[in-house]
Amino acid sequence: MRPVYYSVIGSTGGPATDGNSPPIPLDINQGPFTVSIATILVTGAATWTVQYTYDNLSLGAPSVWFTLGSISGATATTDALLHAPVTAVRLHVTAGTGTVQIVVIQGWAGT
């Protein structure tokens, strides 16, 4: 998977008005499952969390999002790895007016 980038401007900013990036779908059939996630404070001040879901994205908007403990309440650039399958991740800016970017890369160990 090529890197996926989204930016969210403030807790009520874009691309949605709820402080969320669009869901970034992941391939749950990939083995081993490895996803790198970076969040970068681009401008201003903000607080954010990365969330993940097990919901099937093809059935519509996910209804249940869980907080990734290693990127929860972040206020500075940080990163994390996922090793257990989830169907999607997203950035959720919870407070502030700054711009935060999420970068997601899912590795592939195939030949």
N, C-alpha and C. Protein backbone atom coordinates (compact mmCIF):
# COMPACT_ATOMS: atom_id res chain seq x y z
N MET A 1 0.85 -1.17 0.00
CA MET A 1 0.00 0.00 0.00
C MET A 1 0.89 1.23 0.00
N ARG A 2 0.59 2.15 -0.85
CA ARG A 2 1.29 3.43 -0.85
C ARG A 2 0.87 4.23 0.38
N PRO A 3 1.72 5.15 0.84
CA PRO A 3 1.33 5.96 1.98
C PRO A 3 0.04 6.73 1.71
N VAL A 4 -0.81 6.81 2.72
CA VAL A 4 -2.06 7.57 2.64
C VAL A 4 -1.92 8.75 3.60
N TYR A 5 -2.23 9.95 3.12
CA TYR A 5 -2.12 11.17 3.90
C TYR A 5 -3.48 11.86 3.99
N TYR A 6 -3.84 12.28 5.21
CA TYR A 6 -5.02 13.14 5.39
C TYR A 6 -4.66 14.19 6.43
N SER A 7 -5.22 15.37 6.27
CA SER A 7 -5.04 16.44 7.26
C SER A 7 -6.40 16.83 7.81
N VAL A 8 -6.42 17.12 9.11
CA VAL A 8 -7.63 17.61 9.77
C VAL A 8 -7.27 18.94 10.41
N ILE A 9 -8.11 19.95 10.19
CA ILE A 9 -7.87 21.29 10.71
C ILE A 9 -8.80 21.52 11.90
N GLY A 10 -8.27 21.45 13.10
CA GLY A 10 -9.04 21.70 14.31
C GLY A 10 -10.08 20.63 14.58
N SER A 11 -10.67 20.72 15.76
CA SER A 11 -11.63 19.70 16.18
C SER A 11 -12.97 19.80 15.45
N THR A 12 -13.19 20.90 14.76
CA THR A 12 -14.42 21.02 13.96
C THR A 12 -14.08 21.26 12.50
N GLY A 13 -12.85 20.97 12.14
CA GLY A 13 -12.39 21.27 10.80
C GLY A 13 -12.43 20.10 9.85
N GLY A 14 -11.87 20.33 8.65
CA GLY A 14 -11.97 19.40 7.55
C GLY A 14 -11.01 18.25 7.64
N PRO A 15 -11.22 17.24 6.82
CA PRO A 15 -12.17 17.28 5.71
C PRO A 15 -13.62 17.14 6.13
N ALA A 16 -13.89 16.64 7.35
CA ALA A 16 -15.27 16.58 7.85
C ALA A 16 -15.43 17.70 8.88
N THR A 17 -16.66 17.94 9.32
CA THR A 17 -16.89 18.99 10.31
C THR A 17 -16.87 18.44 11.72
N ASP A 18 -16.52 17.17 11.88
CA ASP A 18 -16.50 16.54 13.20
C ASP A 18 -15.09 16.26 13.72
N GLY A 19 -14.07 16.79 13.05
CA GLY A 19 -12.70 16.58 13.47
C GLY A 19 -12.12 15.25 13.05
N ASN A 20 -12.81 14.50 12.18
CA ASN A 20 -12.34 13.19 11.74
C ASN A 20 -11.81 13.22 10.32
N SER A 21 -10.76 12.42 10.09
CA SER A 21 -10.35 12.17 8.72
C SER A 21 -11.28 11.09 8.16
N PRO A 22 -11.29 10.91 6.85
CA PRO A 22 -12.03 9.76 6.31
C PRO A 22 -11.40 8.46 6.82
N PRO A 23 -12.17 7.39 6.90
CA PRO A 23 -11.58 6.10 7.27
C PRO A 23 -10.54 5.68 6.22
N ILE A 24 -9.44 5.12 6.69
CA ILE A 24 -8.39 4.62 5.81
C ILE A 24 -8.49 3.10 5.84
N PRO A 25 -9.00 2.47 4.77
CA PRO A 25 -9.20 1.03 4.78
C PRO A 25 -7.86 0.27 4.77
N LEU A 26 -7.86 -0.87 5.45
CA LEU A 26 -6.68 -1.72 5.53
C LEU A 26 -7.03 -3.12 5.04
N ASP A 27 -6.03 -3.85 4.58
CA ASP A 27 -6.23 -5.21 4.07
C ASP A 27 -6.06 -6.21 5.21
N ILE A 28 -7.18 -6.71 5.74
CA ILE A 28 -7.13 -7.63 6.88
C ILE A 28 -6.64 -9.02 6.49
N ASN A 29 -6.57 -9.31 5.20
CA ASN A 29 -6.12 -10.62 4.74
C ASN A 29 -4.61 -10.68 4.54
N GLN A 30 -3.95 -9.57 4.71
CA GLN A 30 -2.50 -9.54 4.53
C GLN A 30 -1.81 -10.21 5.72
N GLY A 31 -0.89 -11.07 5.44
CA GLY A 31 -0.14 -11.72 6.51
C GLY A 31 1.34 -11.63 6.23
N PRO A 32 2.14 -11.20 7.15
CA PRO A 32 1.70 -10.69 8.45
C PRO A 32 1.08 -9.29 8.31
N PHE A 33 0.18 -9.00 9.22
CA PHE A 33 -0.50 -7.71 9.23
C PHE A 33 0.40 -6.70 9.94
N THR A 34 0.87 -5.69 9.21
CA THR A 34 1.73 -4.67 9.79
C THR A 34 1.34 -3.32 9.21
N VAL A 35 1.02 -2.37 10.09
CA VAL A 35 0.63 -1.02 9.66
C VAL A 35 1.43 0.00 10.48
N SER A 36 2.05 0.93 9.79
CA SER A 36 2.75 2.05 10.43
C SER A 36 1.84 3.27 10.37
N ILE A 37 1.72 3.97 11.49
CA ILE A 37 0.88 5.16 11.57
C ILE A 37 1.71 6.28 12.18
N ALA A 38 1.74 7.43 11.51
CA ALA A 38 2.39 8.62 12.06
C ALA A 38 1.37 9.74 12.10
N THR A 39 1.42 10.53 13.16
CA THR A 39 0.60 11.73 13.24
C THR A 39 1.55 12.91 13.44
N ILE A 40 1.31 13.96 12.67
CA ILE A 40 2.23 15.08 12.63
C ILE A 40 1.46 16.37 12.90
N LEU A 41 1.90 17.12 13.90
CA LEU A 41 1.33 18.44 14.15
C LEU A 41 1.94 19.39 13.14
N VAL A 42 1.14 19.86 12.20
CA VAL A 42 1.64 20.69 11.10
C VAL A 42 1.66 22.17 11.50
N THR A 43 0.58 22.66 12.07
CA THR A 43 0.50 24.05 12.49
C THR A 43 -0.34 24.16 13.75
N GLY A 44 -0.14 25.25 14.51
CA GLY A 44 -0.99 25.56 15.64
C GLY A 44 -0.86 24.61 16.80
N ALA A 45 -1.96 24.46 17.54
CA ALA A 45 -2.03 23.59 18.71
C ALA A 45 -3.29 22.75 18.62
N ALA A 46 -3.16 21.47 18.90
CA ALA A 46 -4.31 20.57 18.84
C ALA A 46 -4.04 19.35 19.72
N THR A 47 -5.10 18.63 20.02
CA THR A 47 -5.04 17.35 20.72
C THR A 47 -5.77 16.35 19.84
N TRP A 48 -5.21 15.14 19.69
CA TRP A 48 -5.80 14.17 18.79
C TRP A 48 -5.60 12.74 19.26
N THR A 49 -6.34 11.87 18.60
CA THR A 49 -6.33 10.44 18.86
C THR A 49 -6.40 9.74 17.51
N VAL A 50 -5.82 8.55 17.43
CA VAL A 50 -6.04 7.69 16.27
C VAL A 50 -7.03 6.61 16.71
N GLN A 51 -8.00 6.36 15.86
CA GLN A 51 -9.04 5.37 16.15
C GLN A 51 -9.00 4.27 15.11
N TYR A 52 -9.52 3.08 15.49
CA TYR A 52 -9.60 1.96 14.57
C TYR A 52 -10.95 1.28 14.72
N THR A 53 -11.32 0.51 13.70
CA THR A 53 -12.60 -0.20 13.71
C THR A 53 -12.42 -1.60 13.17
N TYR A 54 -13.35 -2.46 13.57
CA TYR A 54 -13.44 -3.82 13.03
C TYR A 54 -14.60 -3.93 12.04
N ASP A 55 -15.36 -2.85 11.88
CA ASP A 55 -16.55 -2.86 11.03
C ASP A 55 -16.20 -3.01 9.56
N ASN A 56 -17.12 -3.60 8.81
CA ASN A 56 -16.98 -3.78 7.37
C ASN A 56 -17.32 -2.45 6.69
N LEU A 57 -16.33 -1.81 6.08
CA LEU A 57 -16.55 -0.50 5.46
C LEU A 57 -17.52 -0.55 4.29
N SER A 58 -17.63 -1.71 3.63
CA SER A 58 -18.53 -1.80 2.47
C SER A 58 -19.99 -1.76 2.89
N LEU A 59 -20.28 -1.88 4.18
CA LEU A 59 -21.66 -1.82 4.65
C LEU A 59 -22.08 -0.41 5.05
N GLY A 60 -21.20 0.55 4.83
CA GLY A 60 -21.51 1.93 5.20
C GLY A 60 -20.53 2.43 6.23
N ALA A 61 -20.86 3.55 6.84
CA ALA A 61 -19.96 4.16 7.82
C ALA A 61 -19.82 3.25 9.04
N PRO A 62 -18.59 3.07 9.51
CA PRO A 62 -18.39 2.26 10.72
C PRO A 62 -19.16 2.84 11.89
N SER A 63 -19.72 1.97 12.71
CA SER A 63 -20.51 2.44 13.84
C SER A 63 -19.73 2.44 15.14
N VAL A 64 -18.66 1.64 15.22
CA VAL A 64 -17.89 1.55 16.46
C VAL A 64 -16.42 1.84 16.17
N TRP A 65 -15.90 2.87 16.84
CA TRP A 65 -14.48 3.22 16.73
C TRP A 65 -13.84 3.04 18.10
N PHE A 66 -12.64 2.47 18.13
CA PHE A 66 -11.88 2.27 19.35
C PHE A 66 -10.66 3.19 19.31
N THR A 67 -10.18 3.62 20.47
CA THR A 67 -9.02 4.49 20.55
C THR A 67 -7.75 3.65 20.60
N LEU A 68 -6.78 4.00 19.78
CA LEU A 68 -5.47 3.38 19.79
C LEU A 68 -4.70 3.98 20.96
N GLY A 69 -4.43 3.16 21.97
CA GLY A 69 -3.83 3.65 23.21
C GLY A 69 -2.51 4.38 23.04
N SER A 70 -1.72 3.99 22.04
CA SER A 70 -0.41 4.61 21.86
C SER A 70 -0.48 5.98 21.19
N ILE A 71 -1.63 6.33 20.62
CA ILE A 71 -1.82 7.68 20.08
C ILE A 71 -3.18 8.19 20.57
N SER A 72 -3.21 8.54 21.84
CA SER A 72 -4.44 9.01 22.48
C SER A 72 -4.11 10.26 23.29
N GLY A 73 -4.80 11.34 23.00
CA GLY A 73 -4.53 12.60 23.68
C GLY A 73 -3.19 13.20 23.30
N ALA A 74 -2.74 12.91 22.08
CA ALA A 74 -1.44 13.41 21.61
C ALA A 74 -1.50 14.90 21.35
N THR A 75 -0.38 15.56 21.60
CA THR A 75 -0.25 16.99 21.31
C THR A 75 1.03 17.29 20.53
N ALA A 76 1.79 16.24 20.21
CA ALA A 76 3.04 16.39 19.45
C ALA A 76 3.15 15.23 18.47
N THR A 77 3.97 15.39 17.47
CA THR A 77 4.20 14.36 16.47
C THR A 77 4.55 13.04 17.13
N THR A 78 3.90 11.96 16.67
CA THR A 78 4.12 10.63 17.26
C THR A 78 3.83 9.56 16.23
N ASP A 79 4.20 8.31 16.56
CA ASP A 79 3.89 7.21 15.65
C ASP A 79 3.60 5.94 16.43
N ALA A 80 3.07 4.94 15.70
CA ALA A 80 2.71 3.66 16.32
C ALA A 80 2.66 2.59 15.24
N LEU A 81 2.65 1.34 15.68
CA LEU A 81 2.52 0.19 14.79
C LEU A 81 1.32 -0.63 15.20
N LEU A 82 0.64 -1.20 14.21
CA LEU A 82 -0.44 -2.16 14.46
C LEU A 82 0.01 -3.52 13.93
N HIS A 83 -0.20 -4.56 14.73
CA HIS A 83 0.17 -5.92 14.31
C HIS A 83 -1.02 -6.87 14.30
N ALA A 84 -2.19 -6.42 14.76
CA ALA A 84 -3.40 -7.24 14.74
C ALA A 84 -4.37 -6.63 13.73
N PRO A 85 -5.05 -7.47 12.95
CA PRO A 85 -5.92 -6.94 11.89
C PRO A 85 -7.06 -6.06 12.39
N VAL A 86 -7.24 -4.92 11.73
CA VAL A 86 -8.39 -4.05 11.87
C VAL A 86 -8.78 -3.61 10.46
N THR A 87 -10.02 -3.21 10.27
CA THR A 87 -10.47 -2.90 8.92
C THR A 87 -10.14 -1.48 8.47
N ALA A 88 -9.98 -0.55 9.43
CA ALA A 88 -9.69 0.84 9.06
C ALA A 88 -9.17 1.61 10.26
N VAL A 89 -8.49 2.71 9.95
CA VAL A 89 -8.06 3.66 10.98
C VAL A 89 -8.48 5.05 10.53
N ARG A 90 -8.49 5.99 11.49
CA ARG A 90 -8.77 7.39 11.16
C ARG A 90 -8.14 8.29 12.22
N LEU A 91 -7.96 9.53 11.88
CA LEU A 91 -7.48 10.56 12.79
C LEU A 91 -8.68 11.29 13.36
N HIS A 92 -8.68 11.51 14.67
CA HIS A 92 -9.77 12.26 15.31
C HIS A 92 -9.16 13.38 16.15
N VAL A 93 -9.30 14.61 15.68
CA VAL A 93 -8.81 15.77 16.41
C VAL A 93 -9.88 16.14 17.43
N THR A 94 -9.50 16.11 18.72
CA THR A 94 -10.48 16.29 19.79
C THR A 94 -10.56 17.72 20.29
N ALA A 95 -9.48 18.50 20.11
CA ALA A 95 -9.49 19.88 20.60
C ALA A 95 -8.44 20.70 19.86
N GLY A 96 -8.64 22.00 19.85
CA GLY A 96 -7.66 22.89 19.28
C GLY A 96 -8.00 23.35 17.88
N THR A 97 -7.13 24.23 17.37
CA THR A 97 -7.36 24.81 16.05
C THR A 97 -6.22 24.50 15.10
N GLY A 98 -5.27 23.69 15.54
CA GLY A 98 -4.13 23.36 14.69
C GLY A 98 -4.48 22.37 13.60
N THR A 99 -3.53 22.17 12.70
CA THR A 99 -3.67 21.19 11.62
C THR A 99 -2.83 19.97 11.97
N VAL A 100 -3.45 18.80 11.90
CA VAL A 100 -2.77 17.54 12.18
C VAL A 100 -2.88 16.66 10.95
N GLN A 101 -1.79 15.98 10.62
CA GLN A 101 -1.77 15.08 9.47
C GLN A 101 -1.55 13.65 9.96
N ILE A 102 -2.25 12.71 9.33
CA ILE A 102 -2.03 11.29 9.58
C ILE A 102 -1.42 10.68 8.32
N VAL A 103 -0.44 9.81 8.53
CA VAL A 103 0.20 9.06 7.44
C VAL A 103 0.10 7.59 7.80
N VAL A 104 -0.43 6.79 6.88
CA VAL A 104 -0.62 5.36 7.13
C VAL A 104 0.03 4.57 6.00
N ILE A 105 0.85 3.58 6.39
CA ILE A 105 1.48 2.68 5.43
C ILE A 105 1.27 1.26 5.91
N GLN A 106 0.68 0.43 5.06
CA GLN A 106 0.54 -0.99 5.36
C GLN A 106 1.59 -1.74 4.57
N GLY A 107 2.45 -2.45 5.28
CA GLY A 107 3.52 -3.18 4.65
C GLY A 107 3.03 -4.48 4.02
N TRP A 108 3.88 -5.03 3.17
CA TRP A 108 3.55 -6.30 2.52
C TRP A 108 4.79 -7.16 2.54
N ALA A 109 4.66 -8.36 3.08
CA ALA A 109 5.82 -9.25 3.21
C ALA A 109 5.86 -10.29 2.11
N GLY A 110 5.01 -10.15 1.10
CA GLY A 110 4.96 -11.13 0.02
C GLY A 110 6.12 -11.01 -0.94
N THR A 111 6.15 -11.92 -1.90
CA THR A 111 7.23 -11.89 -2.89
C THR A 111 6.69 -11.46 -4.24
